Amino acid sequence: MVYINVVSLNPIVLNCHKNSIDGEAFRLVIDPETKEVLEQPKDSNIDVSIAYSKVFGYLLNNKPLPTSMVAEWG
């Protein structure tokens, strides 16, 4: 489970926390037009993929991003 806070929209800057709101933090930056990841943790893992997939779904469907959301796998 990843808790996601949207900090800005262009580029999309996400402050994420693993497993809980106070969990280990990481930052993900995505270009909203190309959907390319511009910044991610050096040791990318399932949590990064889950966060990206959640945001990608919104972008793919042209839906506005909420200011905060929770992404989980499975």
PDB file of N, CA and C in Angstrom:
ATOM      1  N   MET A   1       0.843  -1.167   0.000  1.00  0.00           N
ATOM      2  CA  MET A   1       0.000   0.000   0.000  1.00  0.00           C
ATOM      3  C   MET A   1       0.894   1.238   0.000  1.00  0.00           C
ATOM      4  N   VAL A   2       0.527   2.206  -0.819  1.00  0.00           N
ATOM      5  CA  VAL A   2       1.289   3.444  -0.923  1.00  0.00           C
ATOM      6  C   VAL A   2       0.334   4.628  -0.766  1.00  0.00           C
ATOM      7  N   TYR A   3       0.672   5.527   0.129  1.00  0.00           N
ATOM      8  CA  TYR A   3      -0.088   6.758   0.327  1.00  0.00           C
ATOM      9  C   TYR A   3       0.565   7.834  -0.532  1.00  0.00           C
ATOM     10  N   ILE A   4      -0.229   8.501  -1.354  1.00  0.00           N
ATOM     11  CA  ILE A   4       0.293   9.435  -2.351  1.00  0.00           C
ATOM     12  C   ILE A   4      -0.297  10.820  -2.124  1.00  0.00           C
ATOM     13  N   ASN A   5       0.573  11.824  -2.078  1.00  0.00           N
ATOM     14  CA  ASN A   5       0.151  13.226  -2.034  1.00  0.00           C
ATOM     15  C   ASN A   5       0.666  13.907  -3.292  1.00  0.00           C
ATOM     16  N   VAL A   6      -0.238  14.559  -4.020  1.00  0.00           N
ATOM     17  CA  VAL A   6       0.140  15.273  -5.235  1.00  0.00           C
ATOM     18  C   VAL A   6       0.585  16.674  -4.832  1.00  0.00           C
ATOM     19  N   VAL A   7       1.847  16.993  -5.109  1.00  0.00           N
ATOM     20  CA  VAL A   7       2.432  18.278  -4.725  1.00  0.00           C
ATOM     21  C   VAL A   7       2.257  19.307  -5.833  1.00  0.00           C
ATOM     22  N   SER A   8       2.453  18.895  -7.084  1.00  0.00           N
ATOM     23  CA  SER A   8       2.251  19.802  -8.219  1.00  0.00           C
ATOM     24  C   SER A   8       1.817  18.982  -9.430  1.00  0.00           C
ATOM     25  N   LEU A   9       1.320  19.684 -10.458  1.00  0.00           N
ATOM     26  CA  LEU A   9       0.763  19.001 -11.621  1.00  0.00           C
ATOM     27  C   LEU A   9       1.590  19.114 -12.890  1.00  0.00           C
ATOM     28  N   ASN A  10       2.514  20.062 -12.972  1.00  0.00           N
ATOM     29  CA  ASN A  10       3.309  20.180 -14.193  1.00  0.00           C
ATOM     30  C   ASN A  10       4.732  20.599 -13.883  1.00  0.00           C
ATOM     31  N   PRO A  11       5.630  19.649 -13.680  1.00  0.00           N
ATOM     32  CA  PRO A  11       5.418  18.212 -13.768  1.00  0.00           C
ATOM     33  C   PRO A  11       4.628  17.701 -12.576  1.00  0.00           C
ATOM     34  N   ILE A  12       4.150  16.469 -12.692  1.00  0.00           N
ATOM     35  CA  ILE A  12       3.435  15.845 -11.579  1.00  0.00           C
ATOM     36  C   ILE A  12       4.472  15.409 -10.552  1.00  0.00           C
ATOM     37  N   VAL A  13       4.386  15.969  -9.363  1.00  0.00           N
ATOM     38  CA  VAL A  13       5.305  15.622  -8.275  1.00  0.00           C
ATOM     39  C   VAL A  13       4.493  14.924  -7.194  1.00  0.00           C
ATOM     40  N   LEU A  14       4.924  13.725  -6.861  1.00  0.00           N
ATOM     41  CA  LEU A  14       4.228  12.922  -5.864  1.00  0.00           C
ATOM     42  C   LEU A  14       5.138  12.659  -4.678  1.00  0.00           C
ATOM     43  N   ASN A  15       4.653  12.960  -3.505  1.00  0.00           N
ATOM     44  CA  ASN A  15       5.322  12.543  -2.272  1.00  0.00           C
ATOM     45  C   ASN A  15       4.574  11.304  -1.802  1.00  0.00           C
ATOM     46  N   CYS A  16       5.283  10.200  -1.698  1.00  0.00           N
ATOM     47  CA  CYS A  16       4.663   8.912  -1.398  1.00  0.00           C
ATOM     48  C   CYS A  16       5.223   8.331  -0.104  1.00  0.00           C
ATOM     49  N   HIS A  17       4.401   7.535   0.567  1.00  0.00           N
ATOM     50  CA  HIS A  17       4.805   6.864   1.807  1.00  0.00           C
ATOM     51  C   HIS A  17       4.390   5.402   1.725  1.00  0.00           C
ATOM     52  N   LYS A  18       5.326   4.526   2.044  1.00  0.00           N
ATOM     53  CA  LYS A  18       5.066   3.088   1.986  1.00  0.00           C
ATOM     54  C   LYS A  18       4.328   2.611   3.232  1.00  0.00           C
ATOM     55  N   ASN A  19       3.298   1.813   3.038  1.00  0.00           N
ATOM     56  CA  ASN A  19       2.571   1.074   4.077  1.00  0.00           C
ATOM     57  C   ASN A  19       1.749   1.904   5.056  1.00  0.00           C
ATOM     58  N   SER A  20       2.061   3.176   5.266  1.00  0.00           N
ATOM     59  CA  SER A  20       1.262   4.028   6.151  1.00  0.00           C
ATOM     60  C   SER A  20       1.568   5.486   5.827  1.00  0.00           C
ATOM     61  N   ILE A  21       0.753   6.376   6.353  1.00  0.00           N
ATOM     62  CA  ILE A  21       0.967   7.805   6.110  1.00  0.00           C
ATOM     63  C   ILE A  21       2.319   8.255   6.644  1.00  0.00           C
ATOM     64  N   ASP A  22       2.798   7.594   7.676  1.00  0.00           N
ATOM     65  CA  ASP A  22       4.090   7.943   8.268  1.00  0.00           C
ATOM     66  C   ASP A  22       5.205   6.998   7.840  1.00  0.00           C
ATOM     67  N   GLY A  23       4.945   6.155   6.845  1.00  0.00           N
ATOM     68  CA  GLY A  23       5.927   5.170   6.406  1.00  0.00           C
ATOM     69  C   GLY A  23       7.091   5.796   5.655  1.00  0.00           C
ATOM     70  N   GLU A  24       8.001   4.930   5.235  1.00  0.00           N
ATOM     71  CA  GLU A  24       9.180   5.372   4.483  1.00  0.00           C
ATOM     72  C   GLU A  24       8.741   6.176   3.258  1.00  0.00           C
ATOM     73  N   ALA A  25       9.358   7.332   3.070  1.00  0.00           N
ATOM     74  CA  ALA A  25       8.946   8.247   2.003  1.00  0.00           C
ATOM     75  C   ALA A  25       9.806   8.093   0.752  1.00  0.00           C
ATOM     76  N   PHE A  26       9.176   8.361  -0.388  1.00  0.00           N
ATOM     77  CA  PHE A  26       9.910   8.480  -1.645  1.00  0.00           C
ATOM     78  C   PHE A  26       9.178   9.476  -2.530  1.00  0.00           C
ATOM     79  N   ARG A  27       9.897   9.991  -3.516  1.00  0.00           N
ATOM     80  CA  ARG A  27       9.353  11.006  -4.422  1.00  0.00           C
ATOM     81  C   ARG A  27       9.331  10.449  -5.839  1.00  0.00           C
ATOM     82  N   LEU A  28       8.269  10.763  -6.548  1.00  0.00           N
ATOM     83  CA  LEU A  28       8.113  10.337  -7.928  1.00  0.00           C
ATOM     84  C   LEU A  28       7.700  11.566  -8.732  1.00  0.00           C
ATOM     85  N   VAL A  29       8.392  11.816  -9.854  1.00  0.00           N
ATOM     86  CA  VAL A  29       8.076  12.959 -10.713  1.00  0.00           C
ATOM     87  C   VAL A  29       7.774  12.423 -12.108  1.00  0.00           C
ATOM     88  N   ILE A  30       6.640  12.848 -12.656  1.00  0.00           N
ATOM     89  CA  ILE A  30       6.160  12.337 -13.939  1.00  0.00           C
ATOM     90  C   ILE A  30       5.821  13.501 -14.859  1.00  0.00           C
ATOM     91  N   ASP A  31       6.224  13.389 -16.134  1.00  0.00           N
ATOM     92  CA  ASP A  31       5.825  14.370 -17.137  1.00  0.00           C
ATOM     93  C   ASP A  31       4.374  14.063 -17.513  1.00  0.00           C
ATOM     94  N   PRO A  32       3.443  15.008 -17.329  1.00  0.00           N
ATOM     95  CA  PRO A  32       2.032  14.718 -17.578  1.00  0.00           C
ATOM     96  C   PRO A  32       1.692  14.476 -19.053  1.00  0.00           C
ATOM     97  N   GLU A  33       2.492  15.001 -19.962  1.00  0.00           N
ATOM     98  CA  GLU A  33       2.192  14.831 -21.384  1.00  0.00           C
ATOM     99  C   GLU A  33       2.752  13.533 -21.940  1.00  0.00           C
ATOM    100  N   THR A  34       4.011  13.230 -21.620  1.00  0.00           N
ATOM    101  CA  THR A  34       4.634  12.013 -22.152  1.00  0.00           C
ATOM    102  C   THR A  34       4.421  10.810 -21.237  1.00  0.00           C
ATOM    103  N   LYS A  35       4.021  11.073 -19.983  1.00  0.00           N
ATOM    104  CA  LYS A  35       3.842  10.050 -18.945  1.00  0.00           C
ATOM    105  C   LYS A  35       5.166   9.390 -18.557  1.00  0.00           C
ATOM    106  N   GLU A  36       6.264  10.035 -18.939  1.00  0.00           N
ATOM    107  CA  GLU A  36       7.605   9.538 -18.624  1.00  0.00           C
ATOM    108  C   GLU A  36       7.962   9.875 -17.179  1.00  0.00           C
ATOM    109  N   VAL A  37       8.608   8.927 -16.507  1.00  0.00           N
ATOM    110  CA  VAL A  37       9.085   9.160 -15.147  1.00  0.00           C
ATOM    111  C   VAL A  37      10.366   9.978 -15.232  1.00  0.00           C
ATOM    112  N   LEU A  38      10.362  11.148 -14.613  1.00  0.00           N
ATOM    113  CA  LEU A  38      11.515  12.043 -14.637  1.00  0.00           C
ATOM    114  C   LEU A  38      12.410  11.852 -13.421  1.00  0.00           C
ATOM    115  N   GLU A  39      11.825  11.429 -12.317  1.00  0.00           N
ATOM    116  CA  GLU A  39      12.585  11.210 -11.082  1.00  0.00           C
ATOM    117  C   GLU A  39      11.921  10.090 -10.299  1.00  0.00           C
ATOM    118  N   GLN A  40      12.745   9.191  -9.787  1.00  0.00           N
ATOM    119  CA  GLN A  40      12.256   8.090  -8.957  1.00  0.00           C
ATOM    120  C   GLN A  40      13.375   7.652  -8.026  1.00  0.00           C
ATOM    121  N   PRO A  41      13.061   6.877  -7.016  1.00  0.00           N
ATOM    122  CA  PRO A  41      14.117   6.409  -6.118  1.00  0.00           C
ATOM    123  C   PRO A  41      15.137   5.553  -6.869  1.00  0.00           C
ATOM    124  N   LYS A  42      16.368   5.593  -6.419  1.00  0.00           N
ATOM    125  CA  LYS A  42      17.423   4.794  -7.055  1.00  0.00           C
ATOM    126  C   LYS A  42      17.099   3.311  -7.009  1.00  0.00           C
ATOM    127  N   ASP A  43      16.574   2.860  -5.882  1.00  0.00           N
ATOM    128  CA  ASP A  43      16.218   1.450  -5.737  1.00  0.00           C
ATOM    129  C   ASP A  43      14.715   1.280  -5.947  1.00  0.00           C
ATOM    130  N   SER A  44      14.297   1.424  -7.197  1.00  0.00           N
ATOM    131  CA  SER A  44      12.891   1.330  -7.557  1.00  0.00           C
ATOM    132  C   SER A  44      12.361  -0.062  -7.202  1.00  0.00           C
ATOM    133  N   ASN A  45      11.107  -0.120  -6.731  1.00  0.00           N
ATOM    134  CA  ASN A  45      10.537  -1.388  -6.300  1.00  0.00           C
ATOM    135  C   ASN A  45       9.043  -1.422  -6.590  1.00  0.00           C
ATOM    136  N   ILE A  46       8.356  -2.405  -6.032  1.00  0.00           N
ATOM    137  CA  ILE A  46       6.926  -2.572  -6.273  1.00  0.00           C
ATOM    138  C   ILE A  46       6.123  -1.350  -5.840  1.00  0.00           C
ATOM    139  N   ASP A  47       6.533  -0.685  -4.770  1.00  0.00           N
ATOM    140  CA  ASP A  47       5.795   0.488  -4.295  1.00  0.00           C
ATOM    141  C   ASP A  47       5.837   1.621  -5.310  1.00  0.00           C
ATOM    142  N   VAL A  48       6.974   1.813  -5.949  1.00  0.00           N
ATOM    143  CA  VAL A  48       7.104   2.839  -6.988  1.00  0.00           C
ATOM    144  C   VAL A  48       6.208   2.479  -8.171  1.00  0.00           C
ATOM    145  N   SER A  49       6.203   1.223  -8.556  1.00  0.00           N
ATOM    146  CA  SER A  49       5.363   0.769  -9.668  1.00  0.00           C
ATOM    147  C   SER A  49       3.883   0.961  -9.368  1.00  0.00           C
ATOM    148  N   ILE A  50       3.490   0.665  -8.140  1.00  0.00           N
ATOM    149  CA  ILE A  50       2.086   0.826  -7.739  1.00  0.00           C
ATOM    150  C   ILE A  50       1.670   2.293  -7.812  1.00  0.00           C
ATOM    151  N   ALA A  51       2.510   3.180  -7.303  1.00  0.00           N
ATOM    152  CA  ALA A  51       2.207   4.615  -7.324  1.00  0.00           C
ATOM    153  C   ALA A  51       2.097   5.113  -8.765  1.00  0.00           C
ATOM    154  N   TYR A  52       3.054   4.716  -9.620  1.00  0.00           N
ATOM    155  CA  TYR A  52       3.022   5.138 -11.019  1.00  0.00           C
ATOM    156  C   TYR A  52       1.757   4.617 -11.704  1.00  0.00           C
ATOM    157  N   SER A  53       1.429   3.362 -11.485  1.00  0.00           N
ATOM    158  CA  SER A  53       0.255   2.764 -12.126  1.00  0.00           C
ATOM    159  C   SER A  53      -1.029   3.489 -11.741  1.00  0.00           C
ATOM    160  N   LYS A  54      -1.139   3.864 -10.486  1.00  0.00           N
ATOM    161  CA  LYS A  54      -2.330   4.584 -10.010  1.00  0.00           C
ATOM    162  C   LYS A  54      -2.476   5.916 -10.754  1.00  0.00           C
ATOM    163  N   VAL A  55      -1.397   6.668 -10.831  1.00  0.00           N
ATOM    164  CA  VAL A  55      -1.423   7.970 -11.504  1.00  0.00           C
ATOM    165  C   VAL A  55      -1.613   7.790 -13.008  1.00  0.00           C
ATOM    166  N   PHE A  56      -0.953   6.792 -13.593  1.00  0.00           N
ATOM    167  CA  PHE A  56      -1.073   6.532 -15.025  1.00  0.00           C
ATOM    168  C   PHE A  56      -2.531   6.280 -15.407  1.00  0.00           C
ATOM    169  N   GLY A  57      -3.269   5.580 -14.558  1.00  0.00           N
ATOM    170  CA  GLY A  57      -4.685   5.327 -14.824  1.00  0.00           C
ATOM    171  C   GLY A  57      -5.484   6.617 -14.954  1.00  0.00           C
ATOM    172  N   TYR A  58      -5.208   7.565 -14.080  1.00  0.00           N
ATOM    173  CA  TYR A  58      -5.882   8.867 -14.166  1.00  0.00           C
ATOM    174  C   TYR A  58      -5.491   9.587 -15.458  1.00  0.00           C
ATOM    175  N   LEU A  59      -4.199   9.591 -15.776  1.00  0.00           N
ATOM    176  CA  LEU A  59      -3.726  10.287 -16.972  1.00  0.00           C
ATOM    177  C   LEU A  59      -4.292   9.658 -18.242  1.00  0.00           C
ATOM    178  N   LEU A  60      -4.297   8.346 -18.284  1.00  0.00           N
ATOM    179  CA  LEU A  60      -4.776   7.624 -19.460  1.00  0.00           C
ATOM    180  C   LEU A  60      -6.244   7.931 -19.742  1.00  0.00           C
ATOM    181  N   ASN A  61      -7.018   8.107 -18.685  1.00  0.00           N
ATOM    182  CA  ASN A  61      -8.449   8.383 -18.827  1.00  0.00           C
ATOM    183  C   ASN A  61      -8.788   9.868 -18.760  1.00  0.00           C
ATOM    184  N   ASN A  62      -7.754  10.722 -18.816  1.00  0.00           N
ATOM    185  CA  ASN A  62      -7.938  12.176 -18.770  1.00  0.00           C
ATOM    186  C   ASN A  62      -8.761  12.630 -17.573  1.00  0.00           C
ATOM    187  N   LYS A  63      -8.558  11.983 -16.432  1.00  0.00           N
ATOM    188  CA  LYS A  63      -9.249  12.364 -15.203  1.00  0.00           C
ATOM    189  C   LYS A  63      -8.342  13.261 -14.372  1.00  0.00           C
ATOM    190  N   PRO A  64      -8.914  14.231 -13.667  1.00  0.00           N
ATOM    191  CA  PRO A  64      -8.087  15.081 -12.800  1.00  0.00           C
ATOM    192  C   PRO A  64      -7.534  14.268 -11.630  1.00  0.00           C
ATOM    193  N   LEU A  65      -6.303  14.563 -11.257  1.00  0.00           N
ATOM    194  CA  LEU A  65      -5.685  13.873 -10.126  1.00  0.00           C
ATOM    195  C   LEU A  65      -6.220  14.418  -8.810  1.00  0.00           C
ATOM    196  N   PRO A  66      -6.601  13.542  -7.892  1.00  0.00           N
ATOM    197  CA  PRO A  66      -6.968  14.020  -6.558  1.00  0.00           C
ATOM    198  C   PRO A  66      -5.713  14.494  -5.833  1.00  0.00           C
ATOM    199  N   THR A  67      -5.865  15.290  -4.807  1.00  0.00           N
ATOM    200  CA  THR A  67      -4.689  15.792  -4.084  1.00  0.00           C
ATOM    201  C   THR A  67      -4.029  14.711  -3.249  1.00  0.00           C
ATOM    202  N   SER A  68      -4.784  13.698  -2.871  1.00  0.00           N
ATOM    203  CA  SER A  68      -4.197  12.561  -2.161  1.00  0.00           C
ATOM    204  C   SER A  68      -4.969  11.305  -2.529  1.00  0.00           C
ATOM    205  N   MET A  69      -4.270  10.174  -2.485  1.00  0.00           N
ATOM    206  CA  MET A  69      -4.891   8.897  -2.834  1.00  0.00           C
ATOM    207  C   MET A  69      -4.082   7.761  -2.232  1.00  0.00           C
ATOM    208  N   VAL A  70      -4.662   6.584  -2.247  1.00  0.00           N
ATOM    209  CA  VAL A  70      -3.986   5.386  -1.762  1.00  0.00           C
ATOM    210  C   VAL A  70      -3.960   4.386  -2.906  1.00  0.00           C
ATOM    211  N   ALA A  71      -2.802   3.795  -3.134  1.00  0.00           N
ATOM    212  CA  ALA A  71      -2.661   2.777  -4.171  1.00  0.00           C
ATOM    213  C   ALA A  71      -2.240   1.473  -3.511  1.00  0.00           C
ATOM    214  N   GLU A  72      -2.832   0.387  -3.958  1.00  0.00           N
ATOM    215  CA  GLU A  72      -2.436  -0.911  -3.429  1.00  0.00           C
ATOM    216  C   GLU A  72      -2.399  -1.921  -4.560  1.00  0.00           C
ATOM    217  N   TRP A  73      -1.596  -2.935  -4.393  1.00  0.00           N
ATOM    218  CA  TRP A  73      -1.483  -3.936  -5.433  1.00  0.00           C
ATOM    219  C   TRP A  73      -2.333  -5.141  -5.076  1.00  0.00           C
ATOM    220  N   GLY A  74      -2.686  -5.869  -6.113  1.00  0.00           N
ATOM    221  CA  GLY A  74      -3.432  -7.110  -5.892  1.00  0.00           C
ATOM    222  C   GLY A  74      -4.861  -7.046  -6.283  1.00  0.00           C
TER     223      GLY A  74
END
